[in-house]
Structure formats: structure tokens, C-alpha cells
Amino acid sequence: MKRSSLLLVAVLGLSSHFAAQAASDCAAQAAEKKLAGAAKNSFVKKCEKDALAANPATAGCETKAGEKKLAGAAKNSFVKKCVADAGGAAPAASAVGR
């Protein structure tokens, strides 16, 4: 049981790191391009989505969630569990639902 708990903590830690890294990278790219307002928001949203898709475990889990027609909290929960079961880093909930 302790081992499972430690694994879950490690996966969640990696997920928050991955999401934070993707968000900061995307924000930095938007700043380099001197984007503002709606253009910046659109760019960052697409950039973060592309970063999540680059993780094969996340992409497969996102596809499965779409096939099940999940949305919102149910989708976020499903994707987190799916990625954790696959041994990858789970995405942050805020990044998944966008």
C-alpha cells in the first residue's frame, strides 16, 4: 500500500512539473512573439495542447476519453488515472480541460 501511495505521489509530482513546464515554455514563446490579448491566449492554449499531445500516454488516454464522450471533471479524472496506469506523467487538470 505504501508503495502504491509513493508511486501516486511521484506521478502527480511529475504531472504538475510537466504542466508547469509546458505552461511556462508556451508563455515564454508568446512573449518572444510579442503576442497579447486574444492572440496570446489562443497561442498559449494551442501550445499547451500540443505539449500534452507530445506525451504518448496522454494522447492515447485523451483519445479514449473522447471515445467515451467524457468531459469536464470526469474526463480529467479518467485521463489522470489512465496515464498513471500507463506509467506516464499525468497532465494537470487545468491543462486537460482546455
PDB file of N, CA and C in Angstrom:
ATOM      1  N   MET A   1       0.822  -1.188   0.000  1.00  0.00           N
ATOM      2  CA  MET A   1       0.000   0.000   0.000  1.00  0.00           C
ATOM      3  C   MET A   1       0.872   1.261   0.000  1.00  0.00           C
ATOM      4  N   LYS A   2       1.926   1.237   0.819  1.00  0.00           N
ATOM      5  CA  LYS A   2       2.820   2.389   0.858  1.00  0.00           C
ATOM      6  C   LYS A   2       3.474   2.605  -0.496  1.00  0.00           C
ATOM      7  N   ARG A   3       3.801   1.518  -1.157  1.00  0.00           N
ATOM      8  CA  ARG A   3       4.443   1.610  -2.471  1.00  0.00           C
ATOM      9  C   ARG A   3       3.515   2.278  -3.484  1.00  0.00           C
ATOM     10  N   SER A   4       2.228   1.898  -3.464  1.00  0.00           N
ATOM     11  CA  SER A   4       1.244   2.495  -4.368  1.00  0.00           C
ATOM     12  C   SER A   4       1.094   3.981  -4.097  1.00  0.00           C
ATOM     13  N   SER A   5       1.076   4.322  -2.817  1.00  0.00           N
ATOM     14  CA  SER A   5       0.940   5.726  -2.440  1.00  0.00           C
ATOM     15  C   SER A   5       2.134   6.537  -2.921  1.00  0.00           C
ATOM     16  N   LEU A   6       3.323   5.976  -2.758  1.00  0.00           N
ATOM     17  CA  LEU A   6       4.526   6.675  -3.211  1.00  0.00           C
ATOM     18  C   LEU A   6       4.534   6.844  -4.724  1.00  0.00           C
ATOM     19  N   LEU A   7       4.090   5.817  -5.430  1.00  0.00           N
ATOM     20  CA  LEU A   7       4.026   5.896  -6.888  1.00  0.00           C
ATOM     21  C   LEU A   7       3.047   6.978  -7.321  1.00  0.00           C
ATOM     22  N   LEU A   8       1.901   7.028  -6.664  1.00  0.00           N
ATOM     23  CA  LEU A   8       0.899   8.033  -6.997  1.00  0.00           C
ATOM     24  C   LEU A   8       1.444   9.437  -6.749  1.00  0.00           C
ATOM     25  N   VAL A   9       2.104   9.624  -5.624  1.00  0.00           N
ATOM     26  CA  VAL A   9       2.695  10.931  -5.305  1.00  0.00           C
ATOM     27  C   VAL A   9       3.738  11.304  -6.354  1.00  0.00           C
ATOM     28  N   ALA A  10       4.553  10.343  -6.766  1.00  0.00           N
ATOM     29  CA  ALA A  10       5.578  10.610  -7.783  1.00  0.00           C
ATOM     30  C   ALA A  10       4.942  10.993  -9.107  1.00  0.00           C
ATOM     31  N   VAL A  11       3.906  10.276  -9.509  1.00  0.00           N
ATOM     32  CA  VAL A  11       3.230  10.563 -10.780  1.00  0.00           C
ATOM     33  C   VAL A  11       2.582  11.939 -10.740  1.00  0.00           C
ATOM     34  N   LEU A  12       1.917  12.250  -9.634  1.00  0.00           N
ATOM     35  CA  LEU A  12       1.280  13.558  -9.535  1.00  0.00           C
ATOM     36  C   LEU A  12       2.314  14.679  -9.508  1.00  0.00           C
ATOM     37  N   GLY A  13       3.448  14.432  -8.879  1.00  0.00           N
ATOM     38  CA  GLY A  13       4.517  15.422  -8.883  1.00  0.00           C
ATOM     39  C   GLY A  13       5.055  15.664 -10.272  1.00  0.00           C
ATOM     40  N   LEU A  14       5.244  14.601 -11.032  1.00  0.00           N
ATOM     41  CA  LEU A  14       5.713  14.732 -12.408  1.00  0.00           C
ATOM     42  C   LEU A  14       4.689  15.449 -13.267  1.00  0.00           C
ATOM     43  N   SER A  15       3.411  15.169 -13.008  1.00  0.00           N
ATOM     44  CA  SER A  15       2.372  15.794 -13.816  1.00  0.00           C
ATOM     45  C   SER A  15       2.347  17.293 -13.616  1.00  0.00           C
ATOM     46  N   SER A  16       2.452  17.734 -12.363  1.00  0.00           N
ATOM     47  CA  SER A  16       2.431  19.165 -12.122  1.00  0.00           C
ATOM     48  C   SER A  16       3.682  19.823 -12.700  1.00  0.00           C
ATOM     49  N   HIS A  17       4.819  19.128 -12.627  1.00  0.00           N
ATOM     50  CA  HIS A  17       6.047  19.658 -13.211  1.00  0.00           C
ATOM     51  C   HIS A  17       5.905  19.766 -14.730  1.00  0.00           C
ATOM     52  N   PHE A  18       5.386  18.716 -15.367  1.00  0.00           N
ATOM     53  CA  PHE A  18       5.210  18.711 -16.821  1.00  0.00           C
ATOM     54  C   PHE A  18       4.278  19.839 -17.252  1.00  0.00           C
ATOM     55  N   ALA A  19       3.157  19.987 -16.560  1.00  0.00           N
ATOM     56  CA  ALA A  19       2.194  21.029 -16.914  1.00  0.00           C
ATOM     57  C   ALA A  19       2.777  22.416 -16.690  1.00  0.00           C
ATOM     58  N   ALA A  20       3.482  22.590 -15.587  1.00  0.00           N
ATOM     59  CA  ALA A  20       4.079  23.891 -15.290  1.00  0.00           C
ATOM     60  C   ALA A  20       5.155  24.230 -16.318  1.00  0.00           C
ATOM     61  N   GLN A  21       5.949  23.239 -16.688  1.00  0.00           N
ATOM     62  CA  GLN A  21       6.998  23.458 -17.683  1.00  0.00           C
ATOM     63  C   GLN A  21       6.388  23.830 -19.030  1.00  0.00           C
ATOM     64  N   ALA A  22       5.343  23.105 -19.433  1.00  0.00           N
ATOM     65  CA  ALA A  22       4.690  23.397 -20.707  1.00  0.00           C
ATOM     66  C   ALA A  22       4.088  24.797 -20.689  1.00  0.00           C
ATOM     67  N   ALA A  23       3.433  25.160 -19.591  1.00  0.00           N
ATOM     68  CA  ALA A  23       2.808  26.475 -19.489  1.00  0.00           C
ATOM     69  C   ALA A  23       3.850  27.585 -19.542  1.00  0.00           C
ATOM     70  N   SER A  24       4.966  27.414 -18.823  1.00  0.00           N
ATOM     71  CA  SER A  24       5.978  28.471 -18.827  1.00  0.00           C
ATOM     72  C   SER A  24       6.671  28.559 -20.185  1.00  0.00           C
ATOM     73  N   ASP A  25       6.909  27.421 -20.827  1.00  0.00           N
ATOM     74  CA  ASP A  25       7.512  27.432 -22.160  1.00  0.00           C
ATOM     75  C   ASP A  25       6.597  28.130 -23.158  1.00  0.00           C
ATOM     76  N   CYS A  26       5.324  27.831 -23.086  1.00  0.00           N
ATOM     77  CA  CYS A  26       4.370  28.433 -24.020  1.00  0.00           C
ATOM     78  C   CYS A  26       4.230  29.927 -23.766  1.00  0.00           C
ATOM     79  N   ALA A  27       4.211  30.328 -22.501  1.00  0.00           N
ATOM     80  CA  ALA A  27       4.123  31.748 -22.174  1.00  0.00           C
ATOM     81  C   ALA A  27       5.371  32.484 -22.661  1.00  0.00           C
ATOM     82  N   ALA A  28       6.520  31.841 -22.517  1.00  0.00           N
ATOM     83  CA  ALA A  28       7.766  32.455 -22.983  1.00  0.00           C
ATOM     84  C   ALA A  28       7.753  32.617 -24.505  1.00  0.00           C
ATOM     85  N   GLN A  29       7.263  31.608 -25.201  1.00  0.00           N
ATOM     86  CA  GLN A  29       7.186  31.696 -26.665  1.00  0.00           C
ATOM     87  C   GLN A  29       6.248  32.816 -27.084  1.00  0.00           C
ATOM     88  N   ALA A  30       5.120  32.955 -26.375  1.00  0.00           N
ATOM     89  CA  ALA A  30       4.169  34.025 -26.690  1.00  0.00           C
ATOM     90  C   ALA A  30       4.809  35.392 -26.461  1.00  0.00           C
ATOM     91  N   ALA A  31       5.604  35.509 -25.409  1.00  0.00           N
ATOM     92  CA  ALA A  31       6.281  36.780 -25.126  1.00  0.00           C
ATOM     93  C   ALA A  31       7.307  37.100 -26.215  1.00  0.00           C
ATOM     94  N   GLU A  32       8.041  36.067 -26.668  1.00  0.00           N
ATOM     95  CA  GLU A  32       9.021  36.271 -27.745  1.00  0.00           C
ATOM     96  C   GLU A  32       8.343  36.767 -29.011  1.00  0.00           C
ATOM     97  N   LYS A  33       7.137  36.278 -29.256  1.00  0.00           N
ATOM     98  CA  LYS A  33       6.402  36.679 -30.456  1.00  0.00           C
ATOM     99  C   LYS A  33       5.642  37.979 -30.249  1.00  0.00           C
ATOM    100  N   LYS A  34       5.751  38.531 -29.026  1.00  0.00           N
ATOM    101  CA  LYS A  34       5.090  39.786 -28.673  1.00  0.00           C
ATOM    102  C   LYS A  34       3.579  39.719 -28.876  1.00  0.00           C
ATOM    103  N   LEU A  35       2.998  38.570 -28.466  1.00  0.00           N
ATOM    104  CA  LEU A  35       1.554  38.397 -28.572  1.00  0.00           C
ATOM    105  C   LEU A  35       0.873  38.968 -27.330  1.00  0.00           C
ATOM    106  N   ALA A  36      -0.358  39.438 -27.503  1.00  0.00           N
ATOM    107  CA  ALA A  36      -1.130  39.982 -26.387  1.00  0.00           C
ATOM    108  C   ALA A  36      -2.604  39.689 -26.609  1.00  0.00           C
ATOM    109  N   GLY A  37      -3.363  39.739 -25.532  1.00  0.00           N
ATOM    110  CA  GLY A  37      -4.808  39.587 -25.618  1.00  0.00           C
ATOM    111  C   GLY A  37      -5.242  38.230 -26.132  1.00  0.00           C
ATOM    112  N   ALA A  38      -6.235  38.251 -27.015  1.00  0.00           N
ATOM    113  CA  ALA A  38      -6.816  37.022 -27.545  1.00  0.00           C
ATOM    114  C   ALA A  38      -5.810  36.199 -28.343  1.00  0.00           C
ATOM    115  N   ALA A  39      -4.927  36.865 -29.058  1.00  0.00           N
ATOM    116  CA  ALA A  39      -3.909  36.147 -29.841  1.00  0.00           C
ATOM    117  C   ALA A  39      -2.981  35.366 -28.918  1.00  0.00           C
ATOM    118  N   LYS A  40      -2.590  35.998 -27.802  1.00  0.00           N
ATOM    119  CA  LYS A  40      -1.723  35.325 -26.832  1.00  0.00           C
ATOM    120  C   LYS A  40      -2.445  34.142 -26.213  1.00  0.00           C
ATOM    121  N   ASN A  41      -3.686  34.345 -25.775  1.00  0.00           N
ATOM    122  CA  ASN A  41      -4.453  33.267 -25.158  1.00  0.00           C
ATOM    123  C   ASN A  41      -4.627  32.087 -26.099  1.00  0.00           C
ATOM    124  N   SER A  42      -4.933  32.382 -27.350  1.00  0.00           N
ATOM    125  CA  SER A  42      -5.117  31.324 -28.343  1.00  0.00           C
ATOM    126  C   SER A  42      -3.819  30.563 -28.573  1.00  0.00           C
ATOM    127  N   PHE A  43      -2.730  31.294 -28.693  1.00  0.00           N
ATOM    128  CA  PHE A  43      -1.426  30.664 -28.916  1.00  0.00           C
ATOM    129  C   PHE A  43      -1.038  29.763 -27.751  1.00  0.00           C
ATOM    130  N   VAL A  44      -1.168  30.279 -26.521  1.00  0.00           N
ATOM    131  CA  VAL A  44      -0.789  29.503 -25.334  1.00  0.00           C
ATOM    132  C   VAL A  44      -1.659  28.262 -25.208  1.00  0.00           C
ATOM    133  N   LYS A  45      -2.945  28.400 -25.451  1.00  0.00           N
ATOM    134  CA  LYS A  45      -3.861  27.260 -25.361  1.00  0.00           C
ATOM    135  C   LYS A  45      -3.459  26.164 -26.349  1.00  0.00           C
ATOM    136  N   LYS A  46      -3.183  26.546 -27.595  1.00  0.00           N
ATOM    137  CA  LYS A  46      -2.787  25.568 -28.601  1.00  0.00           C
ATOM    138  C   LYS A  46      -1.424  24.961 -28.269  1.00  0.00           C
ATOM    139  N   CYS A  47      -0.514  25.789 -27.809  1.00  0.00           N
ATOM    140  CA  CYS A  47       0.828  25.330 -27.453  1.00  0.00           C
ATOM    141  C   CYS A  47       0.758  24.290 -26.333  1.00  0.00           C
ATOM    142  N   GLU A  48      -0.022  24.559 -25.286  1.00  0.00           N
ATOM    143  CA  GLU A  48      -0.155  23.619 -24.178  1.00  0.00           C
ATOM    144  C   GLU A  48      -0.818  22.320 -24.631  1.00  0.00           C
ATOM    145  N   LYS A  49      -1.807  22.433 -25.494  1.00  0.00           N
ATOM    146  CA  LYS A  49      -2.488  21.238 -26.023  1.00  0.00           C
ATOM    147  C   LYS A  49      -1.501  20.391 -26.825  1.00  0.00           C
ATOM    148  N   ASP A  50      -0.678  21.042 -27.641  1.00  0.00           N
ATOM    149  CA  ASP A  50       0.329  20.322 -28.428  1.00  0.00           C
ATOM    150  C   ASP A  50       1.369  19.658 -27.530  1.00  0.00           C
ATOM    151  N   ALA A  51       1.735  20.334 -26.433  1.00  0.00           N
ATOM    152  CA  ALA A  51       2.710  19.768 -25.498  1.00  0.00           C
ATOM    153  C   ALA A  51       2.140  18.520 -24.831  1.00  0.00           C
ATOM    154  N   LEU A  52       0.869  18.552 -24.480  1.00  0.00           N
ATOM    155  CA  LEU A  52       0.226  17.372 -23.890  1.00  0.00           C
ATOM    156  C   LEU A  52       0.156  16.237 -24.896  1.00  0.00           C
ATOM    157  N   ALA A  53      -0.122  16.576 -26.133  1.00  0.00           N
ATOM    158  CA  ALA A  53      -0.227  15.551 -27.171  1.00  0.00           C
ATOM    159  C   ALA A  53       1.120  14.898 -27.454  1.00  0.00           C
ATOM    160  N   ALA A  54       2.207  15.601 -27.148  1.00  0.00           N
ATOM    161  CA  ALA A  54       3.541  15.049 -27.376  1.00  0.00           C
ATOM    162  C   ALA A  54       3.843  13.891 -26.435  1.00  0.00           C
ATOM    163  N   ASN A  55       3.121  13.804 -25.324  1.00  0.00           N
ATOM    164  CA  ASN A  55       3.281  12.690 -24.385  1.00  0.00           C
ATOM    165  C   ASN A  55       2.398  11.549 -24.890  1.00  0.00           C
ATOM    166  N   PRO A  56       2.968  10.441 -25.389  1.00  0.00           N
ATOM    167  CA  PRO A  56       2.178   9.365 -25.990  1.00  0.00           C
ATOM    168  C   PRO A  56       1.109   8.788 -25.057  1.00  0.00           C
ATOM    169  N   ALA A  57       1.412   8.669 -23.784  1.00  0.00           N
ATOM    170  CA  ALA A  57       0.427   8.129 -22.844  1.00  0.00           C
ATOM    171  C   ALA A  57      -0.766   9.066 -22.740  1.00  0.00           C
ATOM    172  N   THR A  58      -0.503  10.363 -22.696  1.00  0.00           N
ATOM    173  CA  THR A  58      -1.577  11.344 -22.585  1.00  0.00           C
ATOM    174  C   THR A  58      -2.439  11.341 -23.844  1.00  0.00           C
ATOM    175  N   ALA A  59      -1.802  11.291 -25.002  1.00  0.00           N
ATOM    176  CA  ALA A  59      -2.548  11.309 -26.251  1.00  0.00           C
ATOM    177  C   ALA A  59      -3.491  10.112 -26.347  1.00  0.00           C
ATOM    178  N   GLY A  60      -3.012   8.936 -26.000  1.00  0.00           N
ATOM    179  CA  GLY A  60      -3.858   7.743 -26.043  1.00  0.00           C
ATOM    180  C   GLY A  60      -5.013   7.834 -25.064  1.00  0.00           C
ATOM    181  N   CYS A  61      -4.754   8.363 -23.890  1.00  0.00           N
ATOM    182  CA  CYS A  61      -5.798   8.494 -22.876  1.00  0.00           C
ATOM    183  C   CYS A  61      -6.812   9.561 -23.275  1.00  0.00           C
ATOM    184  N   GLU A  62      -6.345  10.642 -23.880  1.00  0.00           N
ATOM    185  CA  GLU A  62      -7.263  11.674 -24.375  1.00  0.00           C
ATOM    186  C   GLU A  62      -8.193  11.088 -25.441  1.00  0.00           C
ATOM    187  N   THR A  63      -7.647  10.249 -26.317  1.00  0.00           N
ATOM    188  CA  THR A  63      -8.444   9.607 -27.361  1.00  0.00           C
ATOM    189  C   THR A  63      -9.509   8.712 -26.745  1.00  0.00           C
ATOM    190  N   LYS A  64      -9.099   7.911 -25.754  1.00  0.00           N
ATOM    191  CA  LYS A  64     -10.054   7.026 -25.083  1.00  0.00           C
ATOM    192  C   LYS A  64     -11.155   7.825 -24.397  1.00  0.00           C
ATOM    193  N   ALA A  65     -10.800   8.947 -23.777  1.00  0.00           N
ATOM    194  CA  ALA A  65     -11.791   9.790 -23.112  1.00  0.00           C
ATOM    195  C   ALA A  65     -12.773  10.352 -24.140  1.00  0.00           C
ATOM    196  N   GLY A  66     -12.269  10.713 -25.312  1.00  0.00           N
ATOM    197  CA  GLY A  66     -13.142  11.208 -26.379  1.00  0.00           C
ATOM    198  C   GLY A  66     -14.094  10.144 -26.885  1.00  0.00           C
ATOM    199  N   GLU A  67     -13.584   8.914 -26.997  1.00  0.00           N
ATOM    200  CA  GLU A  67     -14.440   7.806 -27.439  1.00  0.00           C
ATOM    201  C   GLU A  67     -15.556   7.544 -26.434  1.00  0.00           C
ATOM    202  N   LYS A  68     -15.261   7.752 -25.156  1.00  0.00           N
ATOM    203  CA  LYS A  68     -16.256   7.547 -24.106  1.00  0.00           C
ATOM    204  C   LYS A  68     -17.147   8.777 -23.931  1.00  0.00           C
ATOM    205  N   LYS A  69     -16.865   9.817 -24.703  1.00  0.00           N
ATOM    206  CA  LYS A  69     -17.606  11.078 -24.657  1.00  0.00           C
ATOM    207  C   LYS A  69     -17.594  11.711 -23.265  1.00  0.00           C
ATOM    208  N   LEU A  70     -16.422  11.666 -22.627  1.00  0.00           N
ATOM    209  CA  LEU A  70     -16.263  12.262 -21.303  1.00  0.00           C
ATOM    210  C   LEU A  70     -15.910  13.732 -21.441  1.00  0.00           C
ATOM    211  N   ALA A  71     -16.302  14.515 -20.467  1.00  0.00           N
ATOM    212  CA  ALA A  71     -15.983  15.942 -20.472  1.00  0.00           C
ATOM    213  C   ALA A  71     -15.819  16.421 -19.039  1.00  0.00           C
ATOM    214  N   GLY A  72     -15.179  17.554 -18.886  1.00  0.00           N
ATOM    215  CA  GLY A  72     -15.036  18.190 -17.580  1.00  0.00           C
ATOM    216  C   GLY A  72     -14.261  17.350 -16.587  1.00  0.00           C
ATOM    217  N   ALA A  73     -14.757  17.322 -15.352  1.00  0.00           N
ATOM    218  CA  ALA A  73     -14.073  16.620 -14.264  1.00  0.00           C
ATOM    219  C   ALA A  73     -13.970  15.125 -14.534  1.00  0.00           C
ATOM    220  N   ALA A  74     -14.987  14.545 -15.160  1.00  0.00           N
ATOM    221  CA  ALA A  74     -14.949  13.110 -15.459  1.00  0.00           C
ATOM    222  C   ALA A  74     -13.819  12.806 -16.435  1.00  0.00           C
ATOM    223  N   LYS A  75     -13.633  13.667 -17.428  1.00  0.00           N
ATOM    224  CA  LYS A  75     -12.557  13.484 -18.402  1.00  0.00           C
ATOM    225  C   LYS A  75     -11.201  13.636 -17.721  1.00  0.00           C
ATOM    226  N   ASN A  76     -11.059  14.684 -16.906  1.00  0.00           N
ATOM    227  CA  ASN A  76      -9.794  14.931 -16.215  1.00  0.00           C
ATOM    228  C   ASN A  76      -9.416  13.750 -15.339  1.00  0.00           C
ATOM    229  N   SER A  77     -10.387  13.252 -14.591  1.00  0.00           N
ATOM    230  CA  SER A  77     -10.151  12.124 -13.694  1.00  0.00           C
ATOM    231  C   SER A  77      -9.758  10.879 -14.484  1.00  0.00           C
ATOM    232  N   PHE A  78     -10.485  10.615 -15.570  1.00  0.00           N
ATOM    233  CA  PHE A  78     -10.202   9.449 -16.402  1.00  0.00           C
ATOM    234  C   PHE A  78      -8.799   9.531 -16.992  1.00  0.00           C
ATOM    235  N   VAL A  79      -8.438  10.674 -17.537  1.00  0.00           N
ATOM    236  CA  VAL A  79      -7.130  10.833 -18.170  1.00  0.00           C
ATOM    237  C   VAL A  79      -6.015  10.681 -17.141  1.00  0.00           C
ATOM    238  N   LYS A  80      -6.175  11.283 -15.960  1.00  0.00           N
ATOM    239  CA  LYS A  80      -5.160  11.153 -14.913  1.00  0.00           C
ATOM    240  C   LYS A  80      -4.942   9.694 -14.546  1.00  0.00           C
ATOM    241  N   LYS A  81      -6.043   8.972 -14.336  1.00  0.00           N
ATOM    242  CA  LYS A  81      -5.934   7.570 -13.941  1.00  0.00           C
ATOM    243  C   LYS A  81      -5.343   6.739 -15.077  1.00  0.00           C
ATOM    244  N   CYS A  82      -5.785   6.990 -16.284  1.00  0.00           N
ATOM    245  CA  CYS A  82      -5.300   6.258 -17.448  1.00  0.00           C
ATOM    246  C   CYS A  82      -3.797   6.443 -17.620  1.00  0.00           C
ATOM    247  N   VAL A  83      -3.320   7.665 -17.520  1.00  0.00           N
ATOM    248  CA  VAL A  83      -1.900   7.951 -17.687  1.00  0.00           C
ATOM    249  C   VAL A  83      -1.100   7.325 -16.547  1.00  0.00           C
ATOM    250  N   ALA A  84      -1.623   7.417 -15.333  1.00  0.00           N
ATOM    251  CA  ALA A  84      -0.937   6.816 -14.185  1.00  0.00           C
ATOM    252  C   ALA A  84      -0.835   5.304 -14.365  1.00  0.00           C
ATOM    253  N   ASP A  85      -1.907   4.683 -14.843  1.00  0.00           N
ATOM    254  CA  ASP A  85      -1.900   3.240 -15.088  1.00  0.00           C
ATOM    255  C   ASP A  85      -0.911   2.869 -16.191  1.00  0.00           C
ATOM    256  N   ALA A  86      -0.737   3.771 -17.144  1.00  0.00           N
ATOM    257  CA  ALA A  86       0.187   3.526 -18.253  1.00  0.00           C
ATOM    258  C   ALA A  86       1.632   3.800 -17.855  1.00  0.00           C
ATOM    259  N   GLY A  87       1.825   4.411 -16.684  1.00  0.00           N
ATOM    260  CA  GLY A  87       3.174   4.679 -16.201  1.00  0.00           C
ATOM    261  C   GLY A  87       3.752   5.987 -16.681  1.00  0.00           C
ATOM    262  N   GLY A  88       2.926   6.857 -17.262  1.00  0.00           N
ATOM    263  CA  GLY A  88       3.408   8.149 -17.736  1.00  0.00           C
ATOM    264  C   GLY A  88       3.126   9.236 -16.729  1.00  0.00           C
ATOM    265  N   ALA A  89       3.477  10.436 -17.061  1.00  0.00           N
ATOM    266  CA  ALA A  89       3.208  11.580 -16.197  1.00  0.00           C
ATOM    267  C   ALA A  89       1.841  12.123 -16.539  1.00  0.00           C
ATOM    268  N   ALA A  90       0.979  12.205 -15.569  1.00  0.00           N
ATOM    269  CA  ALA A  90      -0.383  12.696 -15.791  1.00  0.00           C
ATOM    270  C   ALA A  90      -0.375  14.201 -15.974  1.00  0.00           C
ATOM    271  N   PRO A  91      -1.226  14.723 -16.868  1.00  0.00           N
ATOM    272  CA  PRO A  91      -1.301  16.150 -17.063  1.00  0.00           C
ATOM    273  C   PRO A  91      -2.063  16.816 -15.932  1.00  0.00           C
ATOM    274  N   ALA A  92      -1.832  18.072 -15.724  1.00  0.00           N
ATOM    275  CA  ALA A  92      -2.581  18.804 -14.724  1.00  0.00           C
ATOM    276  C   ALA A  92      -4.002  18.966 -15.209  1.00  0.00           C
ATOM    277  N   ALA A  93      -4.934  18.972 -14.302  1.00  0.00           N
ATOM    278  CA  ALA A  93      -6.347  19.040 -14.657  1.00  0.00           C
ATOM    279  C   ALA A  93      -6.670  20.300 -15.431  1.00  0.00           C
ATOM    280  N   SER A  94      -6.063  21.422 -15.074  1.00  0.00           N
ATOM    281  CA  SER A  94      -6.376  22.668 -15.759  1.00  0.00           C
ATOM    282  C   SER A  94      -5.947  22.629 -17.219  1.00  0.00           C
ATOM    283  N   ALA A  95      -4.919  21.934 -17.533  1.00  0.00           N
ATOM    284  CA  ALA A  95      -4.444  21.860 -18.915  1.00  0.00           C
ATOM    285  C   ALA A  95      -5.250  20.896 -19.737  1.00  0.00           C
ATOM    286  N   VAL A  96      -5.804  19.868 -19.118  1.00  0.00           N
ATOM    287  CA  VAL A  96      -6.539  18.845 -19.859  1.00  0.00           C
ATOM    288  C   VAL A  96      -7.864  19.360 -20.354  1.00  0.00           C
ATOM    289  N   GLY A  97      -8.573  20.102 -19.544  1.00  0.00           N
ATOM    290  CA  GLY A  97      -9.919  20.513 -19.898  1.00  0.00           C
ATOM    291  C   GLY A  97     -10.006  21.630 -20.901  1.00  0.00           C
ATOM    292  N   ARG A  98      -8.916  22.162 -21.347  1.00  0.00           N
ATOM    293  CA  ARG A  98      -8.942  23.297 -22.264  1.00  0.00           C
ATOM    294  C   ARG A  98      -9.269  22.882 -23.649  1.00  0.00           C
TER     295      ARG A  98
END
